[in-house]
Amino acid sequence: MGLPVFVGSAFVAQYPTGGGNFWVPLQYLLGLRALGVEAHWLELLWAGGDRRRAQFVGAFRGAVERLGVAEWVTLVCFPESSRDGPPGQAEHHGLAPAELRARARDALLTQMIAAEEEIDEHKPAEDLLALPGMDESRAGELIMAARAPMLARMEQGAA
C-alpha cells in the first residue's frame, strides 16, 4: 500500500449503541482501503472517570470486529481524563502505542520528504537536513524514493 492515512474521530466510541455516527469514519476507512490506501481509523475516547468506560470500549471493539475492520482500527481511551483536560494515562485497543507512532511517523516523514524540497535551489530544505543522520546525499535519495510512484505514473501516462 503506500503512505498510511489516519481517519481520526473522537465521537463514535462514546455512543455504545452505534447509530449514524459510526458510519462516518467507517465509510472513509473502507473507501480509502478499496482504493489501495493503507488507511487506519484512530478513535479517541475521553471517559472522564465514567464507570461505563468498559461498556463503551467493549461495544466499539465488538462493532469493528463484526464489521471485519478491527485490524485497521485503534481506540485510544483516556479513562480518567476529560476532553478539555490533560490526557493522563492512555489505554490502547488495537495497534500498540509504538506501532501507532511508527506508522504515523512514517506518514509524516514521507510527506515531509516529498514536499519540503526547495525547487528553486534544487537542494533539500533545511528542516529535512536537520533530521538526525541526514545529509544532502541521503535526503536526495529519500526525495527521489518518495517521488518514485509519482514519476512511474507519469512515465506510464507518457508511454
N, C-alpha and C. Protein backbone atom coordinates (compact mmCIF):
# COMPACT_ATOMS: atom_id res chain seq x y z
N MET A 1 0.85 -1.16 0.00
CA MET A 1 0.00 0.00 0.00
C MET A 1 0.89 1.21 0.00
N GLY A 2 1.07 2.10 0.57
CA GLY A 2 1.95 3.23 0.50
C GLY A 2 1.89 4.00 1.78
N LEU A 3 1.83 5.30 1.61
CA LEU A 3 1.77 6.21 2.73
C LEU A 3 0.51 5.96 3.57
N PRO A 4 0.65 5.71 4.87
CA PRO A 4 -0.55 5.49 5.68
C PRO A 4 -1.36 6.77 5.87
N VAL A 5 -2.66 6.60 5.91
CA VAL A 5 -3.59 7.70 6.17
C VAL A 5 -4.38 7.34 7.41
N PHE A 6 -4.53 8.30 8.32
CA PHE A 6 -5.31 8.07 9.54
C PHE A 6 -6.60 8.86 9.48
N VAL A 7 -7.71 8.14 9.63
CA VAL A 7 -9.01 8.77 9.76
C VAL A 7 -9.22 8.94 11.26
N GLY A 8 -9.30 10.16 11.71
CA GLY A 8 -9.42 10.42 13.14
C GLY A 8 -10.83 10.79 13.53
N SER A 9 -11.22 10.32 14.70
CA SER A 9 -12.56 10.61 15.22
C SER A 9 -12.50 10.58 16.74
N ALA A 10 -13.36 11.36 17.35
CA ALA A 10 -13.42 11.37 18.81
C ALA A 10 -14.88 11.46 19.26
N PHE A 11 -15.76 10.82 18.48
CA PHE A 11 -17.17 10.90 18.83
C PHE A 11 -17.91 9.57 18.73
N VAL A 12 -17.34 8.56 18.12
CA VAL A 12 -18.07 7.32 17.87
C VAL A 12 -18.15 6.43 19.11
N ALA A 13 -17.03 6.21 19.79
CA ALA A 13 -17.00 5.24 20.89
C ALA A 13 -17.85 5.68 22.09
N GLN A 14 -18.17 6.96 22.17
CA GLN A 14 -18.99 7.41 23.30
C GLN A 14 -20.47 7.08 23.12
N TYR A 15 -20.83 6.49 21.98
CA TYR A 15 -22.21 6.06 21.73
C TYR A 15 -22.22 4.54 21.57
N PRO A 16 -22.34 3.80 22.67
CA PRO A 16 -22.21 2.34 22.60
C PRO A 16 -23.27 1.64 21.75
N THR A 17 -24.37 2.30 21.45
CA THR A 17 -25.38 1.67 20.61
C THR A 17 -25.12 1.92 19.13
N GLY A 18 -24.08 2.66 18.81
CA GLY A 18 -23.70 2.88 17.41
C GLY A 18 -24.52 3.99 16.79
N GLY A 19 -25.24 3.65 15.75
CA GLY A 19 -26.05 4.64 15.05
C GLY A 19 -25.28 5.29 13.92
N GLY A 20 -25.82 6.41 13.44
CA GLY A 20 -25.24 7.08 12.29
C GLY A 20 -23.83 7.56 12.48
N ASN A 21 -23.46 7.91 13.72
CA ASN A 21 -22.10 8.38 13.97
C ASN A 21 -21.06 7.36 13.53
N PHE A 22 -21.36 6.09 13.68
CA PHE A 22 -20.40 5.03 13.39
C PHE A 22 -20.02 5.00 11.92
N TRP A 23 -20.94 5.33 11.06
CA TRP A 23 -20.71 5.15 9.62
C TRP A 23 -19.86 6.24 9.01
N VAL A 24 -19.74 7.37 9.67
CA VAL A 24 -18.96 8.47 9.09
C VAL A 24 -17.50 8.07 8.91
N PRO A 25 -16.75 7.75 9.98
CA PRO A 25 -15.34 7.36 9.77
C PRO A 25 -15.22 6.01 9.06
N LEU A 26 -16.20 5.12 9.27
CA LEU A 26 -16.14 3.80 8.63
C LEU A 26 -16.15 3.91 7.12
N GLN A 27 -16.98 4.80 6.57
CA GLN A 27 -17.04 4.93 5.11
C GLN A 27 -15.71 5.42 4.54
N TYR A 28 -15.05 6.33 5.27
CA TYR A 28 -13.74 6.79 4.81
C TYR A 28 -12.71 5.67 4.87
N LEU A 29 -12.70 4.93 5.97
CA LEU A 29 -11.76 3.82 6.12
C LEU A 29 -11.93 2.82 4.98
N LEU A 30 -13.15 2.38 4.76
CA LEU A 30 -13.40 1.38 3.72
C LEU A 30 -13.15 1.92 2.32
N GLY A 31 -13.53 3.16 2.08
CA GLY A 31 -13.30 3.75 0.76
C GLY A 31 -11.83 3.90 0.44
N LEU A 32 -11.06 4.40 1.40
CA LEU A 32 -9.62 4.55 1.18
C LEU A 32 -8.95 3.20 0.98
N ARG A 33 -9.34 2.21 1.78
CA ARG A 33 -8.74 0.88 1.63
C ARG A 33 -9.11 0.27 0.28
N ALA A 34 -10.33 0.50 -0.19
CA ALA A 34 -10.75 -0.01 -1.50
C ALA A 34 -9.93 0.61 -2.63
N LEU A 35 -9.42 1.82 -2.39
CA LEU A 35 -8.57 2.49 -3.38
C LEU A 35 -7.10 2.09 -3.25
N GLY A 36 -6.79 1.19 -2.31
CA GLY A 36 -5.42 0.73 -2.14
C GLY A 36 -4.60 1.55 -1.17
N VAL A 37 -5.25 2.41 -0.39
CA VAL A 37 -4.55 3.25 0.58
C VAL A 37 -4.45 2.49 1.91
N GLU A 38 -3.29 2.56 2.55
CA GLU A 38 -3.13 1.97 3.89
C GLU A 38 -3.81 2.91 4.88
N ALA A 39 -5.10 2.68 5.11
CA ALA A 39 -5.89 3.56 5.97
C ALA A 39 -6.12 2.91 7.33
N HIS A 40 -6.10 3.73 8.35
CA HIS A 40 -6.37 3.31 9.73
C HIS A 40 -7.36 4.28 10.35
N TRP A 41 -8.22 3.76 11.21
CA TRP A 41 -9.17 4.59 11.95
C TRP A 41 -8.63 4.73 13.36
N LEU A 42 -8.39 5.95 13.78
CA LEU A 42 -7.92 6.24 15.12
C LEU A 42 -9.06 6.92 15.87
N GLU A 43 -9.64 6.22 16.83
CA GLU A 43 -10.77 6.72 17.63
C GLU A 43 -10.26 7.09 19.01
N LEU A 44 -10.61 8.28 19.48
CA LEU A 44 -10.23 8.74 20.81
C LEU A 44 -11.47 8.79 21.70
N LEU A 45 -11.30 8.36 22.94
CA LEU A 45 -12.40 8.36 23.90
C LEU A 45 -11.91 8.91 25.23
N TRP A 46 -12.48 10.02 25.67
CA TRP A 46 -12.20 10.57 26.98
C TRP A 46 -13.33 10.12 27.89
N ALA A 47 -13.03 9.18 28.78
CA ALA A 47 -14.07 8.61 29.63
C ALA A 47 -14.35 9.47 30.85
N GLY A 48 -13.42 10.30 31.26
CA GLY A 48 -13.63 11.21 32.38
C GLY A 48 -14.10 10.53 33.65
N GLY A 49 -13.61 9.31 33.90
CA GLY A 49 -14.00 8.58 35.10
C GLY A 49 -15.35 7.88 35.00
N ASP A 50 -15.98 7.94 33.84
CA ASP A 50 -17.30 7.31 33.66
C ASP A 50 -17.19 5.81 33.88
N ARG A 51 -18.02 5.28 34.75
CA ARG A 51 -17.94 3.84 35.06
C ARG A 51 -18.40 2.99 33.88
N ARG A 52 -18.99 3.61 32.86
CA ARG A 52 -19.41 2.87 31.67
C ARG A 52 -18.29 2.70 30.64
N ARG A 53 -17.08 3.13 30.99
CA ARG A 53 -15.95 3.04 30.06
C ARG A 53 -15.83 1.66 29.44
N ALA A 54 -15.89 0.60 30.24
CA ALA A 54 -15.76 -0.77 29.73
C ALA A 54 -16.87 -1.07 28.74
N GLN A 55 -18.07 -0.55 29.00
CA GLN A 55 -19.18 -0.76 28.07
C GLN A 55 -18.89 -0.06 26.74
N PHE A 56 -18.41 1.19 26.79
CA PHE A 56 -18.09 1.94 25.58
C PHE A 56 -17.02 1.22 24.76
N VAL A 57 -15.94 0.83 25.44
CA VAL A 57 -14.83 0.16 24.75
C VAL A 57 -15.28 -1.17 24.17
N GLY A 58 -15.99 -1.97 24.97
CA GLY A 58 -16.45 -3.28 24.51
C GLY A 58 -17.40 -3.19 23.33
N ALA A 59 -18.33 -2.26 23.39
CA ALA A 59 -19.29 -2.10 22.29
C ALA A 59 -18.59 -1.65 21.02
N PHE A 60 -17.66 -0.70 21.15
CA PHE A 60 -16.94 -0.20 19.97
C PHE A 60 -16.09 -1.31 19.35
N ARG A 61 -15.29 -1.99 20.19
CA ARG A 61 -14.43 -3.06 19.66
C ARG A 61 -15.28 -4.18 19.06
N GLY A 62 -16.40 -4.52 19.69
CA GLY A 62 -17.29 -5.55 19.15
C GLY A 62 -17.83 -5.18 17.78
N ALA A 63 -18.20 -3.92 17.61
CA ALA A 63 -18.74 -3.46 16.32
C ALA A 63 -17.68 -3.53 15.22
N VAL A 64 -16.47 -3.06 15.49
CA VAL A 64 -15.45 -3.09 14.43
C VAL A 64 -15.03 -4.53 14.11
N GLU A 65 -15.09 -5.41 15.10
CA GLU A 65 -14.79 -6.83 14.84
C GLU A 65 -15.88 -7.45 13.97
N ARG A 66 -17.15 -7.20 14.29
CA ARG A 66 -18.26 -7.74 13.48
C ARG A 66 -18.20 -7.25 12.04
N LEU A 67 -17.74 -6.02 11.85
CA LEU A 67 -17.66 -5.44 10.51
C LEU A 67 -16.38 -5.84 9.77
N GLY A 68 -15.50 -6.56 10.44
CA GLY A 68 -14.28 -7.04 9.80
C GLY A 68 -13.20 -6.00 9.59
N VAL A 69 -13.22 -4.92 10.38
CA VAL A 69 -12.23 -3.86 10.21
C VAL A 69 -11.34 -3.68 11.44
N ALA A 70 -11.47 -4.56 12.42
CA ALA A 70 -10.77 -4.39 13.70
C ALA A 70 -9.26 -4.24 13.53
N GLU A 71 -8.67 -4.93 12.57
CA GLU A 71 -7.22 -4.85 12.41
C GLU A 71 -6.75 -3.47 11.95
N TRP A 72 -7.65 -2.63 11.47
CA TRP A 72 -7.29 -1.30 10.98
C TRP A 72 -7.79 -0.20 11.90
N VAL A 73 -8.32 -0.58 13.06
CA VAL A 73 -8.91 0.39 13.97
C VAL A 73 -8.19 0.36 15.32
N THR A 74 -7.84 1.54 15.81
CA THR A 74 -7.24 1.66 17.14
C THR A 74 -8.08 2.64 17.95
N LEU A 75 -8.48 2.20 19.11
CA LEU A 75 -9.19 3.05 20.06
C LEU A 75 -8.22 3.42 21.17
N VAL A 76 -8.03 4.70 21.38
CA VAL A 76 -7.20 5.18 22.49
C VAL A 76 -8.16 5.82 23.50
N CYS A 77 -8.22 5.21 24.68
CA CYS A 77 -9.13 5.66 25.73
C CYS A 77 -8.32 6.31 26.85
N PHE A 78 -8.80 7.47 27.28
CA PHE A 78 -8.22 8.18 28.42
C PHE A 78 -9.22 8.03 29.56
N PRO A 79 -9.06 6.98 30.40
CA PRO A 79 -10.09 6.61 31.37
C PRO A 79 -10.46 7.67 32.39
N GLU A 80 -9.50 8.44 32.84
CA GLU A 80 -9.78 9.41 33.91
C GLU A 80 -9.78 10.85 33.42
N SER A 81 -9.62 11.06 32.13
CA SER A 81 -9.46 12.42 31.61
C SER A 81 -10.71 12.88 30.88
N SER A 82 -10.85 14.20 30.84
CA SER A 82 -11.90 14.81 30.03
C SER A 82 -11.25 15.39 28.78
N ARG A 83 -12.05 15.67 27.80
CA ARG A 83 -11.54 16.17 26.53
C ARG A 83 -10.76 17.48 26.70
N ASP A 84 -11.15 18.30 27.65
CA ASP A 84 -10.50 19.59 27.83
C ASP A 84 -9.35 19.57 28.82
N GLY A 85 -9.15 18.44 29.51
CA GLY A 85 -8.08 18.35 30.49
C GLY A 85 -6.84 17.69 29.93
N PRO A 86 -5.81 17.54 30.74
CA PRO A 86 -4.60 16.83 30.29
C PRO A 86 -4.96 15.37 30.00
N PRO A 87 -4.30 14.75 29.02
CA PRO A 87 -4.71 13.41 28.60
C PRO A 87 -4.57 12.33 29.67
N GLY A 88 -3.56 12.39 30.51
CA GLY A 88 -3.39 11.35 31.51
C GLY A 88 -3.03 10.01 30.89
N GLN A 89 -3.27 8.95 31.64
CA GLN A 89 -2.94 7.60 31.18
C GLN A 89 -3.84 7.22 30.00
N ALA A 90 -3.26 6.51 29.04
CA ALA A 90 -4.00 6.08 27.86
C ALA A 90 -4.04 4.56 27.79
N GLU A 91 -5.19 4.04 27.37
CA GLU A 91 -5.34 2.61 27.08
C GLU A 91 -5.47 2.47 25.57
N HIS A 92 -4.66 1.60 24.98
CA HIS A 92 -4.71 1.37 23.53
C HIS A 92 -5.41 0.04 23.25
N HIS A 93 -6.39 0.09 22.39
CA HIS A 93 -7.11 -1.11 21.94
C HIS A 93 -6.95 -1.15 20.42
N GLY A 94 -6.08 -2.02 19.94
CA GLY A 94 -5.75 -2.06 18.52
C GLY A 94 -4.24 -2.05 18.39
N LEU A 95 -3.72 -1.18 17.54
CA LEU A 95 -2.27 -1.07 17.38
C LEU A 95 -1.62 -0.68 18.70
N ALA A 96 -0.50 -1.30 19.01
CA ALA A 96 0.27 -0.93 20.19
C ALA A 96 0.80 0.49 20.02
N PRO A 97 1.02 1.21 21.11
CA PRO A 97 1.49 2.60 21.00
C PRO A 97 2.72 2.77 20.11
N ALA A 98 3.69 1.89 20.23
CA ALA A 98 4.92 2.03 19.42
C ALA A 98 4.62 1.85 17.93
N GLU A 99 3.76 0.90 17.60
CA GLU A 99 3.39 0.67 16.19
C GLU A 99 2.59 1.85 15.64
N LEU A 100 1.69 2.36 16.44
CA LEU A 100 0.89 3.52 16.04
C LEU A 100 1.79 4.71 15.76
N ARG A 101 2.74 4.97 16.67
CA ARG A 101 3.68 6.08 16.48
C ARG A 101 4.55 5.86 15.25
N ALA A 102 5.01 4.63 15.03
CA ALA A 102 5.88 4.34 13.88
C ALA A 102 5.14 4.59 12.57
N ARG A 103 3.90 4.14 12.49
CA ARG A 103 3.14 4.35 11.24
C ARG A 103 2.84 5.82 11.02
N ALA A 104 2.48 6.52 12.08
CA ALA A 104 2.22 7.96 11.95
C ALA A 104 3.50 8.69 11.58
N ARG A 105 4.61 8.32 12.20
CA ARG A 105 5.89 8.97 11.90
C ARG A 105 6.30 8.70 10.47
N ASP A 106 6.10 7.46 9.97
CA ASP A 106 6.42 7.14 8.58
C ASP A 106 5.62 8.02 7.63
N ALA A 107 4.33 8.20 7.92
CA ALA A 107 3.49 9.02 7.07
C ALA A 107 3.96 10.47 7.06
N LEU A 108 4.26 11.02 8.23
CA LEU A 108 4.70 12.41 8.31
C LEU A 108 6.06 12.60 7.67
N LEU A 109 6.97 11.66 7.89
CA LEU A 109 8.30 11.78 7.30
C LEU A 109 8.23 11.71 5.78
N THR A 110 7.44 10.80 5.25
CA THR A 110 7.32 10.67 3.80
C THR A 110 6.72 11.93 3.20
N GLN A 111 5.70 12.48 3.85
CA GLN A 111 5.12 13.73 3.36
C GLN A 111 6.14 14.85 3.38
N MET A 112 6.90 14.94 4.45
CA MET A 112 7.90 16.00 4.56
C MET A 112 8.96 15.84 3.48
N ILE A 113 9.40 14.62 3.25
CA ILE A 113 10.43 14.38 2.23
C ILE A 113 9.93 14.78 0.86
N ALA A 114 8.69 14.42 0.54
CA ALA A 114 8.13 14.70 -0.78
C ALA A 114 7.85 16.18 -0.98
N ALA A 115 7.50 16.89 0.09
CA ALA A 115 7.04 18.26 -0.06
C ALA A 115 8.07 19.32 0.31
N GLU A 116 9.11 19.00 1.03
CA GLU A 116 9.99 20.02 1.58
C GLU A 116 11.24 20.30 0.75
N GLU A 117 11.19 20.03 -0.50
CA GLU A 117 12.34 20.33 -1.34
C GLU A 117 12.23 21.76 -1.85
N GLU A 118 13.30 22.51 -1.76
CA GLU A 118 13.34 23.86 -2.30
C GLU A 118 13.67 23.75 -3.78
N ILE A 119 12.64 23.82 -4.59
CA ILE A 119 12.79 23.54 -6.02
C ILE A 119 13.72 24.55 -6.69
N ASP A 120 13.59 25.84 -6.31
CA ASP A 120 14.42 26.86 -6.97
C ASP A 120 15.90 26.61 -6.77
N GLU A 121 16.28 26.10 -5.64
CA GLU A 121 17.69 25.88 -5.34
C GLU A 121 18.13 24.46 -5.66
N HIS A 122 17.20 23.57 -5.98
CA HIS A 122 17.49 22.18 -6.31
C HIS A 122 18.27 21.46 -5.22
N LYS A 123 17.92 21.77 -3.98
CA LYS A 123 18.52 21.05 -2.87
C LYS A 123 17.47 20.87 -1.79
N PRO A 124 17.66 19.89 -0.91
CA PRO A 124 16.67 19.64 0.15
C PRO A 124 16.53 20.83 1.09
N ALA A 125 15.34 20.99 1.64
CA ALA A 125 15.07 22.07 2.59
C ALA A 125 15.88 21.85 3.87
N GLU A 126 16.15 22.95 4.56
CA GLU A 126 16.96 22.89 5.78
C GLU A 126 16.34 22.03 6.87
N ASP A 127 14.99 22.05 7.01
CA ASP A 127 14.37 21.26 8.07
C ASP A 127 14.51 19.76 7.80
N LEU A 128 14.56 19.37 6.53
CA LEU A 128 14.82 17.96 6.21
C LEU A 128 16.27 17.61 6.55
N LEU A 129 17.18 18.50 6.22
CA LEU A 129 18.60 18.26 6.51
C LEU A 129 18.89 18.27 8.01
N ALA A 130 18.01 18.88 8.80
CA ALA A 130 18.21 18.95 10.25
C ALA A 130 17.85 17.65 10.96
N LEU A 131 17.22 16.71 10.26
CA LEU A 131 16.89 15.43 10.89
C LEU A 131 18.15 14.68 11.27
N PRO A 132 18.14 13.98 12.40
CA PRO A 132 19.33 13.22 12.82
C PRO A 132 19.79 12.23 11.74
N GLY A 133 21.08 12.23 11.45
CA GLY A 133 21.65 11.29 10.49
C GLY A 133 21.42 11.67 9.03
N MET A 134 20.89 12.86 8.76
CA MET A 134 20.56 13.26 7.40
C MET A 134 21.66 14.13 6.83
N ASP A 135 22.01 13.89 5.56
CA ASP A 135 22.90 14.77 4.82
C ASP A 135 22.28 14.99 3.44
N GLU A 136 22.89 15.84 2.61
CA GLU A 136 22.28 16.16 1.32
C GLU A 136 22.14 14.94 0.43
N SER A 137 23.11 14.05 0.45
CA SER A 137 23.05 12.86 -0.37
C SER A 137 21.89 11.95 0.04
N ARG A 138 21.78 11.68 1.33
CA ARG A 138 20.70 10.83 1.85
C ARG A 138 19.34 11.48 1.61
N ALA A 139 19.25 12.78 1.83
CA ALA A 139 17.99 13.50 1.60
C ALA A 139 17.58 13.39 0.14
N GLY A 140 18.54 13.55 -0.76
CA GLY A 140 18.25 13.41 -2.19
C GLY A 140 17.72 12.02 -2.54
N GLU A 141 18.34 11.00 -1.96
CA GLU A 141 17.87 9.62 -2.19
C GLU A 141 16.44 9.44 -1.69
N LEU A 142 16.17 9.98 -0.50
CA LEU A 142 14.82 9.84 0.07
C LEU A 142 13.78 10.62 -0.73
N ILE A 143 14.15 11.80 -1.20
CA ILE A 143 13.23 12.59 -2.02
C ILE A 143 12.88 11.83 -3.29
N MET A 144 13.88 11.26 -3.93
CA MET A 144 13.61 10.51 -5.17
C MET A 144 12.80 9.25 -4.89
N ALA A 145 13.05 8.59 -3.76
CA ALA A 145 12.27 7.41 -3.41
C ALA A 145 10.81 7.80 -3.14
N ALA A 146 10.59 8.93 -2.48
CA ALA A 146 9.23 9.39 -2.21
C ALA A 146 8.52 9.78 -3.50
N ARG A 147 9.27 10.27 -4.47
CA ARG A 147 8.68 10.67 -5.74
C ARG A 147 8.52 9.51 -6.72
N ALA A 148 9.14 8.38 -6.46
CA ALA A 148 9.14 7.27 -7.41
C ALA A 148 7.75 6.87 -7.89
N PRO A 149 6.76 6.70 -7.01
CA PRO A 149 5.43 6.32 -7.52
C PRO A 149 4.84 7.37 -8.47
N MET A 150 5.03 8.65 -8.14
CA MET A 150 4.51 9.72 -9.00
C MET A 150 5.23 9.70 -10.36
N LEU A 151 6.54 9.54 -10.33
CA LEU A 151 7.30 9.51 -11.57
C LEU A 151 6.92 8.30 -12.42
N ALA A 152 6.68 7.15 -11.78
CA ALA A 152 6.27 5.95 -12.51
C ALA A 152 4.92 6.18 -13.19
N ARG A 153 3.98 6.82 -12.46
CA ARG A 153 2.67 7.11 -13.04
C ARG A 153 2.81 8.06 -14.23
N MET A 154 3.70 9.04 -14.09
CA MET A 154 3.92 9.99 -15.19
C MET A 154 4.49 9.28 -16.40
N GLU A 155 5.44 8.37 -16.18
CA GLU A 155 6.03 7.62 -17.29
C GLU A 155 5.01 6.73 -17.96
N GLN A 156 4.14 6.10 -17.19
CA GLN A 156 3.10 5.24 -17.77
C GLN A 156 2.13 6.06 -18.60
N GLY A 157 1.83 7.27 -18.15
CA GLY A 157 0.92 8.13 -18.91
C GLY A 157 1.54 8.61 -20.19
N ALA A 158 2.87 8.76 -20.21
CA ALA A 158 3.57 9.23 -21.41
C ALA A 158 3.81 8.11 -22.40
N ALA A 159 3.79 6.87 -21.90
CA ALA A 159 4.10 5.74 -22.80
C ALA A 159 2.91 5.36 -23.65
